């Protein structure tokens, strides 16, 4: 968007434009101007976005090469940068419409929206601008007035100094009012020199952010009255907390003295009577219990293995008995083998009974 900021001499056109540039810098957007400007005097903390902002300063009478060197002002139209061009009557005057670079500058202004730049053209009256810029490109016209120059009837005092900019959508006198800008001028006056004379020989450069010029060695600087005033509530809160803080009691534990030698004899006597059990006794009882459990588990494992072995023998003997019974022509051998098998089974049963009894 292109704004034409108009007003009489000393009405505060540049002040309102610089105030808009401060608002852009507070949002982290780019700022460029054709006059020296610095945000360091109004920065309070190094973490603010305005303390990290830098300003592209163009020559007082910029050329199309200077404008092209700015590049893109932002990623989107909502984050477009601010380009302030003061004293436009010197290089965009309607009487000098045949200037050499006038057509190229107008061509760049045609693409200002695509390059993501909001252009603020500062001039005394919109009629002083080139007709192509005034009629085809300008979208908003801002008329600036000062309240301290207005005399209130029947009042012996003046109104306070406030710069009011009425933003109208279009060049018509009865155009709709889109917005109103207000500023006291205290902050913008610290950012630039209001008495600067615009000359063509001024160079193009970029200012350093306040994080380097102002806050780089701020640790060694004394606190300002504003910073000291911000610390007062913290000190008061700390003292109030101390008043309601309960003291923590400190318990004194005397050092332990070693027992005399006769005390060991007394412990031995109590141990013998069963009235005292020292710590080492618990360890001995525990180790004895574990050893007893281990022996018992080994005995149970041997019993289980013996029972399994006896069952295997019984199965083999039963298998042999069935084989012998299936041969009827060996009656005598069958009788003898059966007797031996029964005797062997009886011996195994007696052995299992003895193991169980043990």
Protein backbone atom coordinates (compact mmCIF):
# COMPACT_ATOMS: atom_id res chain seq x y z
CA UNK A 1 0.00 0.00 0.00
CA UNK A 2 1.05 3.60 -0.68
CA UNK A 3 0.22 6.36 1.81
CA UNK A 4 0.49 10.09 1.04
CA UNK A 5 1.08 11.98 4.29
CA UNK A 6 0.24 15.65 3.86
CA UNK A 7 0.20 18.64 6.16
CA UNK A 8 1.50 22.12 6.74
CA UNK A 9 5.06 22.91 7.79
CA UNK A 10 5.67 21.69 11.32
CA UNK A 11 2.39 19.78 11.52
CA UNK A 12 4.19 16.53 12.38
CA UNK A 13 4.13 14.60 9.12
CA UNK A 14 7.53 13.01 9.76
CA UNK A 15 6.64 12.36 13.41
CA UNK A 16 3.57 10.35 12.43
CA UNK A 17 5.55 8.47 9.78
CA UNK A 18 8.31 7.62 12.27
CA UNK A 19 5.66 6.52 14.76
CA UNK A 20 4.34 4.11 12.13
CA UNK A 21 7.90 2.87 11.55
CA UNK A 22 8.22 2.22 15.32
CA UNK A 23 5.00 0.19 15.21
CA UNK A 24 6.39 -1.84 12.29
CA UNK A 25 9.67 -2.46 14.15
CA UNK A 26 7.80 -3.58 17.29
CA UNK A 27 6.20 -6.29 15.15
CA UNK A 28 9.59 -7.41 13.81
CA UNK A 29 9.08 -5.95 10.31
CA UNK A 30 11.66 -4.19 8.15
CA UNK A 31 12.06 -0.40 8.10
CA UNK A 32 13.74 1.84 5.49
CA UNK A 33 13.85 5.62 5.11
CA UNK A 34 15.64 8.34 3.15
CA UNK A 35 16.75 10.14 6.33
CA UNK A 36 18.86 8.96 9.30
CA UNK A 37 16.87 7.18 11.96
CA UNK A 38 17.81 5.04 14.98
CA UNK A 39 15.64 3.10 17.45
CA UNK A 40 18.33 2.67 20.14
CA UNK A 41 17.27 5.71 22.28
CA UNK A 42 13.76 4.30 22.83
CA UNK A 43 14.76 0.66 23.48
CA UNK A 44 14.27 -0.47 27.08
CA UNK A 45 15.21 -4.15 27.01
CA UNK A 46 17.53 -6.08 24.68
CA UNK A 47 14.95 -8.84 24.20
CA UNK A 48 12.38 -6.63 22.46
CA UNK A 49 11.94 -6.98 18.71
CA UNK A 50 12.62 -3.27 18.18
CA UNK A 51 16.04 -3.71 19.83
CA UNK A 52 16.92 -6.23 17.13
CA UNK A 53 15.65 -4.09 14.24
CA UNK A 54 17.99 -2.39 11.79
CA UNK A 55 17.14 0.48 9.42
CA UNK A 56 18.10 0.77 5.77
CA UNK A 57 18.94 4.44 5.26
CA UNK A 58 18.66 5.58 1.63
CA UNK A 59 20.11 8.76 0.13
CA UNK A 60 18.02 11.87 0.66
CA UNK A 61 17.14 11.83 -3.05
CA UNK A 62 17.02 8.09 -3.82
CA UNK A 63 17.50 6.65 -7.26
CA UNK A 64 15.91 3.55 -8.71
CA UNK A 65 19.12 1.63 -7.99
CA UNK A 66 18.81 2.53 -4.30
CA UNK A 67 15.22 1.32 -4.24
CA UNK A 68 16.08 -1.95 -5.99
CA UNK A 69 18.88 -2.55 -3.47
CA UNK A 70 16.26 -2.85 -0.71
CA UNK A 71 15.04 -6.18 -2.06
CA UNK A 72 11.88 -7.74 -0.63
CA UNK A 73 10.30 -6.15 2.43
CA UNK A 74 8.69 -9.28 3.90
CA UNK A 75 7.27 -12.72 3.28
CA UNK A 76 3.58 -11.73 3.10
CA UNK A 77 1.53 -8.56 2.75
CA UNK A 78 0.70 -8.76 6.47
CA UNK A 79 4.43 -8.61 7.27
CA UNK A 80 5.40 -6.01 4.66
CA UNK A 81 8.11 -3.52 5.53
CA UNK A 82 7.76 0.26 5.87
CA UNK A 83 9.51 2.61 3.42
CA UNK A 84 9.51 6.28 4.47
CA UNK A 85 10.27 8.84 1.75
CA UNK A 86 10.38 12.39 3.14
CA UNK A 87 10.45 15.61 1.13
CA UNK A 88 9.09 13.88 -1.98
CA UNK A 89 8.65 17.29 -3.59
CA UNK A 90 12.36 17.24 -4.42
CA UNK A 91 12.32 14.12 -6.62
CA UNK A 92 8.61 13.40 -7.33
CA UNK A 93 7.46 16.94 -8.02
CA UNK A 94 4.64 17.38 -10.51
CA UNK A 95 6.53 20.20 -12.30
CA UNK A 96 9.49 17.93 -13.00
CA UNK A 97 7.58 15.14 -14.67
CA UNK A 98 10.21 14.90 -17.43
CA UNK A 99 13.02 13.87 -15.05
CA UNK A 100 15.44 11.24 -16.21
CA UNK A 101 14.73 8.59 -13.59
CA UNK A 102 11.13 9.56 -12.89
CA UNK A 103 9.71 6.80 -15.07
CA UNK A 104 11.91 4.14 -13.44
CA UNK A 105 10.97 5.24 -9.92
CA UNK A 106 7.28 5.17 -10.83
CA UNK A 107 7.79 1.70 -12.30
CA UNK A 108 9.30 0.53 -8.98
CA UNK A 109 6.36 2.05 -7.06
CA UNK A 110 4.02 0.06 -9.31
CA UNK A 111 5.65 -3.13 -8.02
CA UNK A 112 5.92 -2.01 -4.37
CA UNK A 113 3.04 -4.25 -3.29
CA UNK A 114 4.59 -7.29 -4.96
CA UNK A 115 7.91 -6.46 -3.32
CA UNK A 116 6.08 -6.39 0.07
CA UNK A 117 6.70 -2.71 0.92
CA UNK A 118 4.26 -0.20 2.44
CA UNK A 119 5.41 3.19 1.08
CA UNK A 120 4.82 6.41 3.03
CA UNK A 121 5.25 9.49 0.80
CA UNK A 122 5.66 12.62 2.94
CA UNK A 123 4.82 15.91 1.21
CA UNK A 124 3.10 19.21 2.01
CA UNK A 125 0.19 18.65 -0.41
CA UNK A 126 -0.86 15.83 -2.67
CA UNK A 127 -1.07 18.23 -5.63
CA UNK A 128 2.71 18.61 -5.51
CA UNK A 129 3.21 14.92 -6.40
CA UNK A 130 3.48 13.53 -9.87
CA UNK A 131 0.03 12.96 -11.35
CA UNK A 132 0.69 9.28 -12.08
CA UNK A 133 1.71 8.60 -8.47
CA UNK A 134 -1.10 10.72 -7.08
CA UNK A 135 -3.99 9.39 -9.13
CA UNK A 136 -2.98 5.81 -9.97
CA UNK A 137 -0.85 4.57 -7.07
CA UNK A 138 -1.88 6.43 -3.92
CA UNK A 139 -4.46 4.43 -1.94
CA UNK A 140 -4.61 6.39 1.33
CA UNK A 141 -4.22 10.11 1.99
CA UNK A 142 -3.29 11.16 5.53
CA UNK A 143 -3.93 14.73 6.63
CA UNK A 144 -1.89 15.73 9.70
CA UNK A 145 -2.89 18.45 12.16
CA UNK A 146 -1.61 19.63 15.56
CA UNK A 147 -4.02 20.26 18.40
CA UNK A 148 -1.83 22.87 20.14
CA UNK A 149 -2.32 25.18 17.15
CA UNK A 150 -6.07 25.16 17.63
CA UNK A 151 -7.47 27.96 19.76
CA UNK A 152 -10.43 26.99 21.92
CA UNK A 153 -13.01 29.79 22.08
CA UNK A 154 -13.48 31.47 25.44
CA UNK A 155 -10.60 29.43 26.94
CA UNK A 156 -7.36 31.06 28.19
CA UNK A 157 -5.24 27.93 27.65
CA UNK A 158 -4.21 25.83 24.66
CA UNK A 159 -4.78 22.19 23.99
CA UNK A 160 -1.89 19.77 24.60
CA UNK A 161 0.39 18.98 21.69
CA UNK A 162 -1.02 15.93 19.91
CA UNK A 163 -0.44 15.09 16.27
CA UNK A 164 -3.56 13.67 14.63
CA UNK A 165 -3.51 12.01 11.23
CA UNK A 166 -6.83 11.43 9.49
CA UNK A 167 -6.50 8.54 7.02
CA UNK A 168 -8.95 8.73 4.09
CA UNK A 169 -9.44 6.05 1.48
CA UNK A 170 -8.94 8.05 -1.71
CA UNK A 171 -8.04 11.56 -2.81
CA UNK A 172 -11.55 13.01 -2.63
CA UNK A 173 -12.32 15.50 0.11
CA UNK A 174 -15.40 13.52 1.13
CA UNK A 175 -13.64 10.11 1.01
CA UNK A 176 -14.35 7.64 3.77
CA UNK A 177 -12.21 7.85 6.90
CA UNK A 178 -10.32 4.54 7.16
CA UNK A 179 -8.31 5.23 10.32
CA UNK A 180 -6.87 7.90 12.63
CA UNK A 181 -3.29 8.05 13.87
CA UNK A 182 -2.26 9.75 17.12
CA UNK A 183 1.10 10.52 18.65
CA UNK A 184 2.50 12.90 21.26
CA UNK A 185 5.82 13.00 19.45
CA UNK A 186 7.99 12.16 22.49
CA UNK A 187 9.26 8.82 21.19
CA UNK A 188 9.61 9.67 17.49
CA UNK A 189 11.61 12.82 18.26
CA UNK A 190 14.32 10.67 19.87
CA UNK A 191 14.72 8.55 16.73
CA UNK A 192 15.66 11.17 14.12
CA UNK A 193 16.80 14.75 13.63
CA UNK A 194 13.84 17.02 12.84
CA UNK A 195 16.14 19.77 11.56
CA UNK A 196 17.95 17.70 8.94
CA UNK A 197 18.55 19.32 5.56
CA UNK A 198 18.07 16.94 2.64
CA UNK A 199 21.05 16.88 0.29
CA UNK A 200 21.73 14.70 -2.70
CA UNK A 201 25.21 13.60 -1.59
CA UNK A 202 24.08 11.58 1.43
CA UNK A 203 25.19 7.92 1.20
CA UNK A 204 23.23 4.72 1.57
CA UNK A 205 23.93 2.56 4.63
CA UNK A 206 22.36 0.31 7.25
CA UNK A 207 22.21 1.03 10.98
CA UNK A 208 23.19 -1.50 13.62
CA UNK A 209 20.51 -2.83 16.01
CA UNK A 210 20.34 -1.62 19.58
CA UNK A 211 21.47 -5.03 20.88
CA UNK A 212 24.95 -4.12 19.57
CA UNK A 213 25.09 -0.34 19.98
CA UNK A 214 23.30 0.02 23.33
CA UNK A 215 23.10 -3.30 25.19
CA UNK A 216 26.42 -4.87 24.23
CA UNK A 217 28.24 -3.49 27.31
CA UNK A 218 25.18 -2.79 29.45
CA UNK A 219 26.42 -5.01 32.29
CA UNK A 220 29.05 -2.45 33.28
CA UNK A 221 26.67 0.51 33.08
CA UNK A 222 24.74 1.76 36.15
CA UNK A 223 21.01 1.17 36.33
CA UNK A 224 18.76 3.87 35.02
CA UNK A 225 15.96 5.27 37.17
CA UNK A 226 13.44 3.27 35.12
CA UNK A 227 15.27 -0.02 35.69
CA UNK A 228 15.79 0.73 39.40
CA UNK A 229 12.10 1.55 39.80
CA UNK A 230 11.19 -1.85 38.35
CA UNK A 231 13.31 -3.59 41.01
CA UNK A 232 11.53 -1.91 43.97
CA UNK A 233 8.56 -4.36 44.08
CA UNK A 234 10.95 -7.30 44.08
CA UNK A 235 12.89 -5.93 47.08
CA UNK A 236 9.67 -5.22 48.99
CA UNK A 237 8.35 -8.72 48.34
CA UNK A 238 11.63 -10.26 49.53
CA UNK A 239 11.53 -8.32 52.83
CA UNK A 240 7.87 -9.22 53.41
CA UNK A 241 8.70 -12.90 52.93
CA UNK A 242 11.50 -12.62 55.49
CA UNK A 243 9.08 -11.23 58.10
CA UNK A 244 6.73 -14.22 57.82
CA UNK A 245 9.46 -16.83 57.53
CA UNK A 246 9.65 -19.34 60.43
CA UNK A 247 13.13 -20.12 61.79
CA UNK A 248 14.31 -23.68 61.25
CA UNK A 249 15.47 -25.31 64.56
CA UNK A 250 18.96 -26.78 64.53
CA UNK A 251 19.47 -29.93 66.60
CA UNK A 252 22.85 -30.57 68.16
CA UNK A 253 24.03 -34.17 68.07
CA UNK A 254 26.99 -34.82 70.41
CA UNK A 255 29.80 -36.96 68.99
CA UNK A 256 29.64 -40.68 69.86
CA UNK A 257 32.32 -41.90 72.29
CA UNK A 258 33.80 -45.41 71.96
CA UNK A 259 32.73 -48.03 74.53
CA UNK A 260 35.26 -49.05 77.17
CA UNK A 261 36.82 -52.54 77.17
CA UNK A 262 34.76 -53.95 80.13
CA UNK A 263 31.61 -53.35 78.10
CA UNK A 264 32.56 -56.24 75.79
CA UNK A 265 32.65 -58.60 78.74
CA UNK A 266 29.19 -57.45 79.79
CA UNK A 267 27.88 -58.15 76.25
CA UNK A 268 29.36 -61.67 76.42
CA UNK A 269 27.61 -62.32 79.72
CA UNK A 270 24.24 -61.14 78.40
CA UNK A 271 24.72 -63.27 75.29
CA UNK A 272 25.34 -66.33 77.42
CA UNK A 273 22.15 -65.66 79.42
CA UNK A 274 20.10 -65.07 76.25
CA UNK A 275 19.27 -61.43 77.08
CA UNK A 276 21.34 -59.82 74.34
CA UNK A 277 21.93 -60.78 70.73
CA UNK A 278 24.62 -58.80 68.88
CA UNK A 279 24.45 -57.98 65.17
CA UNK A 280 26.96 -60.61 64.17
CA UNK A 281 24.77 -63.32 65.76
CA UNK A 282 21.97 -62.54 63.33
CA UNK A 283 24.38 -63.09 60.44
CA UNK A 284 25.53 -66.43 61.85
CA UNK A 285 21.96 -67.69 62.36
CA UNK A 286 21.03 -66.64 58.88
CA UNK A 287 23.98 -68.48 57.30
CA UNK A 288 23.19 -71.62 59.34
CA UNK A 289 19.56 -71.53 58.24
CA UNK A 290 20.56 -71.25 54.59
CA UNK A 291 22.98 -74.17 54.91
CA UNK A 292 20.27 -76.33 56.49
CA UNK A 293 17.87 -75.49 53.68
CA UNK A 294 20.49 -76.42 51.08
CA UNK A 295 21.11 -79.86 52.71
CA UNK A 296 17.38 -80.55 52.91
CA UNK A 297 16.89 -79.71 49.21
CA UNK A 298 19.73 -82.05 48.23
CA UNK A 299 18.17 -84.89 50.29
CA UNK A 300 14.79 -84.38 48.60
CA UNK A 301 16.44 -84.42 45.16
CA UNK A 302 18.10 -87.79 45.96
CA UNK A 303 14.77 -89.30 47.08
CA UNK A 304 13.04 -88.19 43.89
CA UNK A 305 15.84 -89.62 41.72
CA UNK A 306 15.65 -92.97 43.60
CA UNK A 307 11.89 -93.19 43.10
CA UNK A 308 12.22 -92.55 39.39
CA UNK A 309 14.89 -95.24 39.08
CA UNK A 310 12.71 -97.79 40.88
CA UNK A 311 9.76 -97.08 38.62
CA UNK A 312 11.94 -97.65 35.55
CA UNK A 313 13.05 -101.06 36.91
CA UNK A 314 9.45 -102.08 37.62
CA UNK A 315 8.40 -101.22 34.08
CA UNK A 316 11.27 -103.25 32.62
CA UNK A 317 10.43 -106.27 34.81
CA UNK A 318 6.75 -106.10 33.87
CA UNK A 319 7.73 -106.02 30.19
CA UNK A 320 9.90 -109.14 30.65
CA UNK A 321 7.10 -110.91 32.50
CA UNK A 322 4.66 -110.28 29.63
CA UNK A 323 7.19 -111.62 27.12
CA UNK A 324 7.70 -114.82 29.15
CA UNK A 325 3.94 -115.31 29.58
CA UNK A 326 3.49 -115.23 25.81
CA UNK A 327 5.59 -118.52 25.41
CA UNK A 328 3.38 -121.52 26.63
CA UNK A 329 5.85 -124.16 25.56
CA UNK A 330 8.32 -122.97 28.24
CA UNK A 331 6.26 -123.79 31.33
CA UNK A 332 9.15 -124.63 33.59
CA UNK A 333 11.15 -121.61 32.54
CA UNK A 334 8.05 -119.50 32.90
CA UNK A 335 7.56 -120.66 36.46
CA UNK A 336 11.17 -119.99 37.45
CA UNK A 337 11.28 -116.59 35.77
CA UNK A 338 8.03 -115.58 37.38
CA UNK A 339 9.31 -116.48 40.81
CA UNK A 340 12.50 -114.49 40.24
CA UNK A 341 10.54 -111.50 39.00
CA UNK A 342 8.27 -111.54 42.01
CA UNK A 343 11.23 -111.77 44.33
CA UNK A 344 12.96 -108.83 42.59
CA UNK A 345 9.79 -106.72 42.85
CA UNK A 346 9.53 -107.58 46.53
CA UNK A 347 13.12 -106.46 47.09
CA UNK A 348 12.51 -103.12 45.32
CA UNK A 349 9.46 -102.47 47.47
CA UNK A 350 11.42 -103.22 50.61
CA UNK A 351 14.19 -100.84 49.50
CA UNK A 352 11.68 -98.00 48.82
CA UNK A 353 10.12 -98.57 52.23
CA UNK A 354 13.52 -98.28 53.92
CA UNK A 355 14.35 -95.02 52.02
CA UNK A 356 11.05 -93.49 53.00
CA UNK A 357 11.55 -94.50 56.60
CA UNK A 358 15.01 -92.88 56.62
